[in-house]
């Protein structure tokens, strides 16, 4: 009875040393904090696709004040990471 074979040359995908981008709190009542954004572009769009915020070449820690924006859902892109942020008022 043969259950399978082991391939000693099988590889494991390399683990990235790139820091994980953190966007919090979500939902928010006004301020969001973005961690590990260094040298990334930060762009925020509303659900209609209008760009409401942009920061080129961000620092490691960025803060965005959403208090002037209408309540709703916003799309935050940091480099290649995209997250929905919900603003509650």
Protein backbone atom coordinates (compact mmCIF):
# COMPACT_ATOMS: atom_id res chain seq x y z
CA UNK A 1 0.00 0.00 0.00
CA UNK A 2 1.51 3.35 -1.09
CA UNK A 3 0.24 6.55 0.49
CA UNK A 4 2.42 9.04 -1.41
CA UNK A 5 5.95 10.16 -1.81
CA UNK A 6 7.98 12.97 -0.34
CA UNK A 7 9.81 15.26 -2.72
CA UNK A 8 13.00 16.40 -0.96
CA UNK A 9 13.49 19.22 -3.50
CA UNK A 10 10.09 20.85 -2.92
CA UNK A 11 10.45 24.51 -2.04
CA UNK A 12 8.66 26.85 0.32
CA UNK A 13 7.74 30.33 -0.86
CA UNK A 14 10.13 32.90 0.56
CA UNK A 15 8.75 34.93 3.43
CA UNK A 16 8.76 38.64 2.69
CA UNK A 17 10.73 40.93 4.98
CA UNK A 18 8.48 43.79 3.89
CA UNK A 19 6.63 45.24 6.92
CA UNK A 20 2.86 44.80 7.01
CA UNK A 21 0.98 48.05 6.46
CA UNK A 22 -1.49 48.81 9.25
CA UNK A 23 -4.49 51.15 8.88
CA UNK A 24 -6.42 51.75 12.11
CA UNK A 25 -8.88 52.32 13.64
CA UNK A 26 -11.45 51.02 11.23
CA UNK A 27 -14.22 52.06 11.46
CA UNK A 28 -13.13 55.55 12.51
CA UNK A 29 -14.83 58.68 13.77
CA UNK A 30 -12.18 60.94 12.24
CA UNK A 31 -8.49 60.07 12.52
CA UNK A 32 -6.78 57.04 11.00
CA UNK A 33 -3.18 56.05 11.60
CA UNK A 34 -1.13 54.29 8.95
CA UNK A 35 1.96 52.37 10.03
CA UNK A 36 4.80 51.04 7.84
CA UNK A 37 3.97 53.39 4.95
CA UNK A 38 7.53 54.64 4.49
CA UNK A 39 8.32 55.74 0.92
CA UNK A 40 4.85 54.63 -0.25
CA UNK A 41 2.19 56.77 -1.91
CA UNK A 42 -1.00 57.11 0.16
CA UNK A 43 -4.18 57.83 -1.82
CA UNK A 44 -7.77 58.04 -0.53
CA UNK A 45 -10.84 57.92 -2.80
CA UNK A 46 -14.51 58.16 -1.93
CA UNK A 47 -16.95 55.60 -3.34
CA UNK A 48 -17.64 57.83 -6.36
CA UNK A 49 -13.95 57.51 -7.31
CA UNK A 50 -13.00 61.08 -6.41
CA UNK A 51 -9.52 61.44 -4.92
CA UNK A 52 -9.91 63.21 -1.55
CA UNK A 53 -6.37 62.83 -0.20
CA UNK A 54 -2.91 62.08 -1.54
CA UNK A 55 0.52 61.93 0.07
CA UNK A 56 3.52 61.12 -2.13
CA UNK A 57 6.52 59.41 -0.51
CA UNK A 58 4.89 59.02 2.92
CA UNK A 59 6.77 58.67 6.18
CA UNK A 60 6.74 55.46 8.22
CA UNK A 61 3.80 56.73 10.29
CA UNK A 62 1.06 58.81 8.68
CA UNK A 63 -2.12 60.27 10.14
CA UNK A 64 -5.13 61.24 8.04
CA UNK A 65 -7.90 63.41 9.48
CA UNK A 66 -11.26 62.33 8.03
CA UNK A 67 -13.28 64.73 10.22
CA UNK A 68 -14.00 67.09 7.29
CA UNK A 69 -15.26 64.24 5.07
CA UNK A 70 -18.84 63.00 4.90
CA UNK A 71 -19.69 59.76 6.72
CA UNK A 72 -19.31 56.73 4.48
CA UNK A 73 -16.82 54.34 2.96
CA UNK A 74 -13.43 55.40 1.63
CA UNK A 75 -10.80 53.41 -0.24
CA UNK A 76 -7.29 53.87 1.17
CA UNK A 77 -4.38 52.70 -0.96
CA UNK A 78 -0.87 52.55 0.49
CA UNK A 79 1.52 51.35 -2.20
CA UNK A 80 -0.03 48.08 -3.40
CA UNK A 81 -2.16 47.60 -0.25
CA UNK A 82 -5.82 48.64 -0.51
CA UNK A 83 -8.30 48.78 2.37
CA UNK A 84 -11.83 50.08 2.86
CA UNK A 85 -12.15 52.55 5.73
CA UNK A 86 -15.55 53.37 7.16
CA UNK A 87 -16.10 56.86 8.58
CA UNK A 88 -18.86 56.99 11.19
CA UNK A 89 -20.26 60.28 12.46
